[in-house]
Amino acid sequence: MWSMAAQRLTQITPPVATPDQLWQRVKVASSAVPQEHIQSLFESMPRRVAALISNNCGYSGRNHISQKSINLII
C-alpha cells in the first residue's frame, strides 16, 4: 500500500514546501489506494508471514528485517 502511495506522491508537482503540505499529500495519496488492494494485502498476510517463517527469515537479532525478508514480503 505504501509503495502505491509513494508512487502517487512522486508524481505530484510542485514539490511540497512544508511538513504540513507533505502530510496533506500523504493523506490524499494513501486514501486514493483502492480498497481492493488493501484487502488483498490484508488477506495475503498469513501467506507472507508463513513464507518468512519457513525461510528462517524475519527478526535477525539486530532490530531489523533482512533484505531477503523484505523481498519475500513484497
Protein backbone atom coordinates (compact mmCIF):
# COMPACT_ATOMS: atom_id res chain seq x y z
CA MET A 1 0.00 0.00 0.00
CA TRP A 2 2.74 2.43 0.93
CA SER A 3 4.55 1.84 -2.35
CA MET A 4 1.39 2.84 -4.21
CA ALA A 5 1.01 5.96 -2.07
CA ALA A 6 4.70 6.82 -2.52
CA GLN A 7 4.37 6.44 -6.28
CA ARG A 8 1.46 8.87 -6.29
CA LEU A 9 3.44 11.32 -4.15
CA THR A 10 6.37 11.34 -6.58
CA GLN A 11 4.03 12.26 -9.44
CA ILE A 12 2.67 15.38 -7.74
CA THR A 13 4.15 18.74 -8.64
CA PRO A 14 5.22 21.20 -7.37
CA PRO A 15 7.23 19.72 -4.51
CA VAL A 16 5.96 20.34 -1.00
CA ALA A 17 7.28 23.36 0.84
CA THR A 18 6.26 22.49 4.40
CA PRO A 19 5.77 19.39 6.56
CA ASP A 20 2.04 20.21 6.70
CA GLN A 21 1.80 20.15 2.91
CA LEU A 22 3.60 16.81 2.85
CA TRP A 23 1.23 15.36 5.44
CA GLN A 24 -1.80 16.55 3.45
CA ARG A 25 -0.44 14.93 0.30
CA VAL A 26 0.34 11.69 2.14
CA LYS A 27 -3.24 11.56 3.41
CA VAL A 28 -4.64 12.17 -0.08
CA ALA A 29 -2.31 9.62 -1.71
CA SER A 30 -2.98 6.93 0.87
CA SER A 31 -6.74 7.42 0.69
CA ALA A 32 -6.54 7.01 -3.09
CA VAL A 33 -5.22 3.43 -2.79
CA PRO A 34 -8.09 1.17 -3.87
CA GLN A 35 -9.82 -0.65 -1.03
CA GLU A 36 -9.49 -3.90 -3.01
CA HIS A 37 -5.70 -3.57 -2.93
CA ILE A 38 -5.69 -3.02 0.82
CA GLN A 39 -7.99 -6.03 1.30
CA SER A 40 -5.74 -8.16 -0.89
CA LEU A 41 -2.70 -7.19 1.19
CA PHE A 42 -4.58 -7.96 4.39
CA GLU A 43 -5.68 -11.38 3.13
CA SER A 44 -2.17 -12.24 1.94
CA MET A 45 -0.50 -11.60 5.31
CA PRO A 46 -0.80 -15.19 6.64
CA ARG A 47 0.93 -16.48 3.50
CA ARG A 48 3.62 -13.82 3.71
CA VAL A 49 4.32 -14.49 7.37
CA ALA A 50 4.42 -18.25 6.73
CA ALA A 51 6.95 -17.65 3.94
CA LEU A 52 9.14 -15.66 6.31
CA ILE A 53 8.97 -18.34 8.97
CA SER A 54 9.62 -21.20 6.57
CA ASN A 55 12.68 -19.43 5.16
CA ASN A 56 14.11 -18.72 8.61
CA CYS A 57 13.86 -15.02 7.93
CA GLY A 58 12.50 -12.22 9.99
CA TYR A 59 13.99 -10.98 13.20
CA SER A 60 17.76 -11.05 12.90
CA GLY A 61 18.56 -10.11 16.48
CA ARG A 62 19.61 -6.64 15.37
CA ASN A 63 16.21 -4.93 15.42
CA HIS A 64 15.68 -5.03 11.69
CA ILE A 65 14.35 -7.33 8.99
CA SER A 66 16.79 -8.69 6.42
CA GLN A 67 16.60 -7.71 2.76
CA LYS A 68 15.68 -11.32 1.93
CA SER A 69 12.68 -10.99 4.26
CA ILE A 70 11.63 -7.74 2.63
CA ASN A 71 11.79 -9.35 -0.81
CA LEU A 72 9.54 -12.19 0.38
CA ILE A 73 7.00 -9.71 1.74
CA ILE A 74 6.77 -7.52 -1.34
